[in-house]
C-alpha atoms as a PDB file:
ATOM      1  CA  UNK A   1     -22.282  -5.304  46.057  1.00  0.00           C
ATOM      2  CA  UNK A   2     -25.118  -6.961  43.528  1.00  0.00           C
ATOM      3  CA  UNK A   3     -21.823 -10.035  42.924  1.00  0.00           C
ATOM      4  CA  UNK A   4     -21.525 -10.382  46.029  1.00  0.00           C
ATOM      5  CA  UNK A   5     -17.730  -9.336  45.707  1.00  0.00           C
ATOM      6  CA  UNK A   6     -17.429  -6.963  48.794  1.00  0.00           C
ATOM      7  CA  UNK A   7     -14.549  -7.036  50.788  1.00  0.00           C
ATOM      8  CA  UNK A   8     -14.553  -7.825  54.787  1.00  0.00           C
ATOM      9  CA  UNK A   9     -14.483  -3.995  55.521  1.00  0.00           C
ATOM     10  CA  UNK A  10     -16.033  -1.048  53.421  1.00  0.00           C
ATOM     11  CA  UNK A  11     -16.149   2.456  54.003  1.00  0.00           C
ATOM     12  CA  UNK A  12     -18.383   4.823  52.407  1.00  0.00           C
ATOM     13  CA  UNK A  13     -18.556   7.896  52.648  1.00  0.00           C
ATOM     14  CA  UNK A  14     -20.929  10.018  50.239  1.00  0.00           C
ATOM     15  CA  UNK A  15     -19.581  13.209  47.899  1.00  0.00           C
ATOM     16  CA  UNK A  16     -19.287  16.382  50.312  1.00  0.00           C
ATOM     17  CA  UNK A  17     -18.607  18.618  46.350  1.00  0.00           C
ATOM     18  CA  UNK A  18     -21.623  20.202  44.713  1.00  0.00           C
ATOM     19  CA  UNK A  19     -19.449  20.015  41.612  1.00  0.00           C
ATOM     20  CA  UNK A  20     -20.476  18.297  40.147  1.00  0.00           C
ATOM     21  CA  UNK A  21     -24.245  19.179  41.993  1.00  0.00           C
ATOM     22  CA  UNK A  22     -25.392  18.153  43.707  1.00  0.00           C
ATOM     23  CA  UNK A  23     -23.714  16.797  46.572  1.00  0.00           C
ATOM     24  CA  UNK A  24     -25.154  14.159  48.295  1.00  0.00           C
ATOM     25  CA  UNK A  25     -24.091  14.451  51.950  1.00  0.00           C
ATOM     26  CA  UNK A  26     -26.442  15.761  55.363  1.00  0.00           C
ATOM     27  CA  UNK A  27     -24.337  18.882  54.997  1.00  0.00           C
ATOM     28  CA  UNK A  28     -24.932  22.368  54.908  1.00  0.00           C
ATOM     29  CA  UNK A  29     -26.436  24.570  52.417  1.00  0.00           C
ATOM     30  CA  UNK A  30     -26.270  21.136  51.076  1.00  0.00           C
ATOM     31  CA  UNK A  31     -29.927  19.407  50.726  1.00  0.00           C
ATOM     32  CA  UNK A  32     -30.467  16.612  53.090  1.00  0.00           C
ATOM     33  CA  UNK A  33     -32.730  14.904  51.023  1.00  0.00           C
ATOM     34  CA  UNK A  34     -29.904  13.118  48.873  1.00  0.00           C
ATOM     35  CA  UNK A  35     -27.824  12.438  51.761  1.00  0.00           C
ATOM     36  CA  UNK A  36     -30.897  10.337  53.321  1.00  0.00           C
ATOM     37  CA  UNK A  37     -31.587   8.916  49.630  1.00  0.00           C
ATOM     38  CA  UNK A  38     -28.041   7.603  49.766  1.00  0.00           C
ATOM     39  CA  UNK A  39     -28.662   5.882  52.754  1.00  0.00           C
ATOM     40  CA  UNK A  40     -31.572   4.254  51.415  1.00  0.00           C
ATOM     41  CA  UNK A  41     -29.918   2.972  48.077  1.00  0.00           C
ATOM     42  CA  UNK A  42     -26.690   1.802  50.123  1.00  0.00           C
ATOM     43  CA  UNK A  43     -29.396  -0.795  52.211  1.00  0.00           C
ATOM     44  CA  UNK A  44     -32.376  -1.317  49.899  1.00  0.00           C
ATOM     45  CA  UNK A  45     -29.326  -2.626  48.043  1.00  0.00           C
ATOM     46  CA  UNK A  46     -27.414  -4.787  50.971  1.00  0.00           C
ATOM     47  CA  UNK A  47     -30.424  -5.940  51.648  1.00  0.00           C
ATOM     48  CA  UNK A  48     -31.678  -7.083  47.991  1.00  0.00           C
ATOM     49  CA  UNK A  49     -29.350  -9.878  47.616  1.00  0.00           C
ATOM     50  CA  UNK A  50     -29.353 -12.607  50.205  1.00  0.00           C
ATOM     51  CA  UNK A  51     -25.641 -13.222  49.825  1.00  0.00           C
ATOM     52  CA  UNK A  52     -24.801  -9.890  51.028  1.00  0.00           C
ATOM     53  CA  UNK A  53     -27.104  -9.109  53.452  1.00  0.00           C
ATOM     54  CA  UNK A  54     -26.614 -12.509  55.127  1.00  0.00           C
ATOM     55  CA  UNK A  55     -22.603 -11.188  55.720  1.00  0.00           C
ATOM     56  CA  UNK A  56     -23.075  -7.666  57.074  1.00  0.00           C
ATOM     57  CA  UNK A  57     -23.197  -5.165  59.464  1.00  0.00           C
ATOM     58  CA  UNK A  58     -23.836  -1.192  58.343  1.00  0.00           C
ATOM     59  CA  UNK A  59     -22.616   1.411  61.053  1.00  0.00           C
ATOM     60  CA  UNK A  60     -23.946   4.946  59.640  1.00  0.00           C
ATOM     61  CA  UNK A  61     -22.654   8.017  61.764  1.00  0.00           C
ATOM     62  CA  UNK A  62     -21.876  11.365  62.027  1.00  0.00           C
ATOM     63  CA  UNK A  63     -18.874  13.087  62.419  1.00  0.00           C
ATOM     64  CA  UNK A  64     -20.402  15.701  64.302  1.00  0.00           C
ATOM     65  CA  UNK A  65     -23.109  16.683  66.853  1.00  0.00           C
ATOM     66  CA  UNK A  66     -26.490  18.606  65.810  1.00  0.00           C
ATOM     67  CA  UNK A  67     -25.198  21.731  67.994  1.00  0.00           C
ATOM     68  CA  UNK A  68     -25.427  23.237  70.798  1.00  0.00           C
ATOM     69  CA  UNK A  69     -29.262  21.176  71.513  1.00  0.00           C
ATOM     70  CA  UNK A  70     -26.807  18.938  73.993  1.00  0.00           C
ATOM     71  CA  UNK A  71     -27.903  19.071  77.965  1.00  0.00           C
ATOM     72  CA  UNK A  72     -25.061  16.162  78.618  1.00  0.00           C
ATOM     73  CA  UNK A  73     -21.744  16.515  79.201  1.00  0.00           C
ATOM     74  CA  UNK A  74     -20.032  14.657  77.664  1.00  0.00           C
ATOM     75  CA  UNK A  75     -18.431  11.654  79.634  1.00  0.00           C
ATOM     76  CA  UNK A  76     -14.826  10.854  81.270  1.00  0.00           C
ATOM     77  CA  UNK A  77     -12.910   8.285  78.868  1.00  0.00           C
ATOM     78  CA  UNK A  78      -8.921   7.285  79.574  1.00  0.00           C
ATOM     79  CA  UNK A  79      -7.104   9.065  77.606  1.00  0.00           C
ATOM     80  CA  UNK A  80      -4.395   7.735  74.853  1.00  0.00           C
ATOM     81  CA  UNK A  81      -1.529   6.014  75.716  1.00  0.00           C
ATOM     82  CA  UNK A  82       0.456   8.705  73.843  1.00  0.00           C
ATOM     83  CA  UNK A  83      -1.387  11.666  75.489  1.00  0.00           C
ATOM     84  CA  UNK A  84       0.765  10.710  78.994  1.00  0.00           C
ATOM     85  CA  UNK A  85       3.508  11.731  77.423  1.00  0.00           C
ATOM     86  CA  UNK A  86       2.394  15.182  75.814  1.00  0.00           C
ATOM     87  CA  UNK A  87       0.615  16.195  79.250  1.00  0.00           C
ATOM     88  CA  UNK A  88       4.069  15.366  81.191  1.00  0.00           C
ATOM     89  CA  UNK A  89       5.807  17.238  78.445  1.00  0.00           C
ATOM     90  CA  UNK A  90       4.107  19.998  79.118  1.00  0.00           C
ATOM     91  CA  UNK A  91       2.571  19.833  74.831  1.00  0.00           C
ATOM     92  CA  UNK A  92      -0.856  20.165  76.188  1.00  0.00           C
ATOM     93  CA  UNK A  93      -3.320  22.125  77.619  1.00  0.00           C
ATOM     94  CA  UNK A  94      -6.278  21.914  80.404  1.00  0.00           C
ATOM     95  CA  UNK A  95      -8.531  21.615  77.330  1.00  0.00           C
ATOM     96  CA  UNK A  96      -6.980  19.224  75.806  1.00  0.00           C
ATOM     97  CA  UNK A  97      -5.979  16.485  77.863  1.00  0.00           C
ATOM     98  CA  UNK A  98      -8.187  14.153  75.747  1.00  0.00           C
ATOM     99  CA  UNK A  99      -9.627  12.928  78.667  1.00  0.00           C
ATOM    100  CA  UNK A 100     -13.589  13.122  77.958  1.00  0.00           C
ATOM    101  CA  UNK A 101     -15.643  11.472  75.133  1.00  0.00           C
ATOM    102  CA  UNK A 102     -16.997  14.371  72.537  1.00  0.00           C
ATOM    103  CA  UNK A 103     -20.612  15.286  71.893  1.00  0.00           C
ATOM    104  CA  UNK A 104     -22.956  13.104  70.802  1.00  0.00           C
ATOM    105  CA  UNK A 105     -23.679  11.779  67.678  1.00  0.00           C
ATOM    106  CA  UNK A 106     -26.591   9.328  66.165  1.00  0.00           C
ATOM    107  CA  UNK A 107     -25.642   5.675  65.150  1.00  0.00           C
ATOM    108  CA  UNK A 108     -27.782   3.229  63.613  1.00  0.00           C
ATOM    109  CA  UNK A 109     -27.026  -0.266  63.549  1.00  0.00           C
ATOM    110  CA  UNK A 110     -28.300  -2.395  59.981  1.00  0.00           C
ATOM    111  CA  UNK A 111     -27.792  -6.134  60.086  1.00  0.00           C
ATOM    112  CA  UNK A 112     -29.722  -9.333  59.618  1.00  0.00           C
ATOM    113  CA  UNK A 113     -28.549  -9.994  63.810  1.00  0.00           C
ATOM    114  CA  UNK A 114     -29.234  -6.038  65.019  1.00  0.00           C
ATOM    115  CA  UNK A 115     -31.910  -6.322  67.949  1.00  0.00           C
ATOM    116  CA  UNK A 116     -36.042  -5.039  66.813  1.00  0.00           C
ATOM    117  CA  UNK A 117     -36.772  -2.450  68.579  1.00  0.00           C
ATOM    118  CA  UNK A 118     -33.657  -1.917  70.419  1.00  0.00           C
ATOM    119  CA  UNK A 119     -32.074   1.160  71.848  1.00  0.00           C
ATOM    120  CA  UNK A 120     -28.614   0.751  74.185  1.00  0.00           C
ATOM    121  CA  UNK A 121     -27.665   2.537  77.193  1.00  0.00           C
ATOM    122  CA  UNK A 122     -23.961   1.922  76.812  1.00  0.00           C
ATOM    123  CA  UNK A 123     -21.348   4.635  76.995  1.00  0.00           C
ATOM    124  CA  UNK A 124     -19.618   4.520  73.464  1.00  0.00           C
ATOM    125  CA  UNK A 125     -18.009   6.984  71.051  1.00  0.00           C
ATOM    126  CA  UNK A 126     -16.731   6.907  67.757  1.00  0.00           C
ATOM    127  CA  UNK A 127     -13.770   4.342  68.745  1.00  0.00           C
ATOM    128  CA  UNK A 128     -16.299   2.448  69.513  1.00  0.00           C
ATOM    129  CA  UNK A 129     -16.745   1.416  65.692  1.00  0.00           C
ATOM    130  CA  UNK A 130     -13.152   0.376  65.874  1.00  0.00           C
ATOM    131  CA  UNK A 131     -13.778  -2.010  68.938  1.00  0.00           C
ATOM    132  CA  UNK A 132     -16.244  -3.361  67.102  1.00  0.00           C
ATOM    133  CA  UNK A 133     -13.806  -3.988  63.560  1.00  0.00           C
ATOM    134  CA  UNK A 134     -11.017  -5.464  66.698  1.00  0.00           C
ATOM    135  CA  UNK A 135     -13.262  -7.637  67.743  1.00  0.00           C
ATOM    136  CA  UNK A 136     -15.077  -8.961  64.955  1.00  0.00           C
ATOM    137  CA  UNK A 137     -11.199  -9.730  62.840  1.00  0.00           C
ATOM    138  CA  UNK A 138      -9.205 -10.619  66.623  1.00  0.00           C
ATOM    139  CA  UNK A 139      -7.191  -7.192  66.410  1.00  0.00           C
ATOM    140  CA  UNK A 140      -5.058  -6.382  69.096  1.00  0.00           C
ATOM    141  CA  UNK A 141      -6.603  -2.672  69.880  1.00  0.00           C
ATOM    142  CA  UNK A 142      -4.202   0.077  69.390  1.00  0.00           C
ATOM    143  CA  UNK A 143      -4.402   2.531  72.592  1.00  0.00           C
ATOM    144  CA  UNK A 144      -6.452   2.349  75.708  1.00  0.00           C
ATOM    145  CA  UNK A 145      -9.127   3.991  74.582  1.00  0.00           C
ATOM    146  CA  UNK A 146      -9.438   1.691  72.302  1.00  0.00           C
ATOM    147  CA  UNK A 147      -9.164  -0.927  74.322  1.00  0.00           C
ATOM    148  CA  UNK A 148     -11.428   0.210  77.026  1.00  0.00           C
ATOM    149  CA  UNK A 149     -14.253   0.804  74.179  1.00  0.00           C
ATOM    150  CA  UNK A 150     -18.066  -0.667  74.569  1.00  0.00           C
ATOM    151  CA  UNK A 151     -17.518  -3.125  71.144  1.00  0.00           C
ATOM    152  CA  UNK A 152     -21.648  -2.443  70.533  1.00  0.00           C
ATOM    153  CA  UNK A 153     -21.915  -6.242  71.199  1.00  0.00           C
ATOM    154  CA  UNK A 154     -25.081  -5.479  73.269  1.00  0.00           C
ATOM    155  CA  UNK A 155     -27.207  -3.980  69.430  1.00  0.00           C
ATOM    156  CA  UNK A 156     -27.038  -8.245  68.716  1.00  0.00           C
ATOM    157  CA  UNK A 157     -29.025 -11.503  68.642  1.00  0.00           C
ATOM    158  CA  UNK A 158     -26.545 -13.308  66.670  1.00  0.00           C
ATOM    159  CA  UNK A 159     -28.330 -16.737  68.257  1.00  0.00           C
ATOM    160  CA  UNK A 160     -31.638 -15.928  66.956  1.00  0.00           C
ATOM    161  CA  UNK A 161     -31.155 -13.049  64.121  1.00  0.00           C
ATOM    162  CA  UNK A 162     -34.744 -10.822  63.377  1.00  0.00           C
ATOM    163  CA  UNK A 163     -33.155  -9.915  60.286  1.00  0.00           C
ATOM    164  CA  UNK A 164     -32.506 -12.576  58.428  1.00  0.00           C
ATOM    165  CA  UNK A 165     -34.728 -12.428  55.894  1.00  0.00           C
ATOM    166  CA  UNK A 166     -34.218  -8.436  55.298  1.00  0.00           C
ATOM    167  CA  UNK A 167     -37.734  -6.394  55.547  1.00  0.00           C
ATOM    168  CA  UNK A 168     -39.650  -4.617  52.820  1.00  0.00           C
ATOM    169  CA  UNK A 169     -39.482  -0.995  53.026  1.00  0.00           C
ATOM    170  CA  UNK A 170     -40.969   1.362  51.590  1.00  0.00           C
ATOM    171  CA  UNK A 171     -39.564   3.920  48.999  1.00  0.00           C
ATOM    172  CA  UNK A 172     -38.592   7.106  49.771  1.00  0.00           C
ATOM    173  CA  UNK A 173     -40.363  10.062  48.191  1.00  0.00           C
ATOM    174  CA  UNK A 174     -37.896  13.133  47.562  1.00  0.00           C
ATOM    175  CA  UNK A 175     -39.184  16.552  47.199  1.00  0.00           C
ATOM    176  CA  UNK A 176     -36.040  17.922  45.334  1.00  0.00           C
ATOM    177  CA  UNK A 177     -37.713  21.660  44.239  1.00  0.00           C
ATOM    178  CA  UNK A 178     -37.559  21.674  47.728  1.00  0.00           C
ATOM    179  CA  UNK A 179     -34.407  22.509  49.675  1.00  0.00           C
ATOM    180  CA  UNK A 180     -31.898  21.845  46.589  1.00  0.00           C
ATOM    181  CA  UNK A 181     -31.464  25.304  45.830  1.00  0.00           C
ATOM    182  CA  UNK A 182     -27.908  26.374  46.210  1.00  0.00           C
ATOM    183  CA  UNK A 183     -26.806  29.216  47.641  1.00  0.00           C
END
C-alpha cells in the first residue's frame, strides 16, 4: 500500500489460526481487539498515502451475524439462475430454495466518496458487493441474484467527495492482557 501499487481489487482476510498466536480475526475464542486493530491499521495505512486513498473504496463486512438476536426475518430474493433447474428436478427441499437473503450482517464503507453521517436503508446482501464491483468495472452479472442486487451506490457522493482529505483518527488503545488468554 505504501508504494501505491495495489491492484484494482484486493481482498484481505484476517488470520483465523492461533498458530502462530495471536490470530487477528474476531471469532471466538480469539481476542476481538486484535481483529479491530487489524482493521484500524489497514484504514490508517490507506489514509496515510494520498495517492492510494484517492482511489480507494474499502468495504468491511462479516461472514456471519452475531447470534439469534435479530428479530427481522431475512427478506425474499430472486433465486440464482441454476436454482430453478435444481428445484424442478426435485433436488432442493423447501428449506433450500435459496429465495431469501441471509441474516443481517454489518457493512462498513470507507472511502473519500463515502457520504458523511449516512446510514443506508436499502436492502442489500453480500451479493451487493459483487454488484458494486460489476458496476465499477462494467462487468456483466453472473446470475439473476447479483443482477438484482443493489450496488451500494446510495452510500457515495461522487460529485463532492467529503473525505478527499482523510479524517484524523485517534490511535486505538489495546488492552491485550484482557481477553487474550488462549483456552
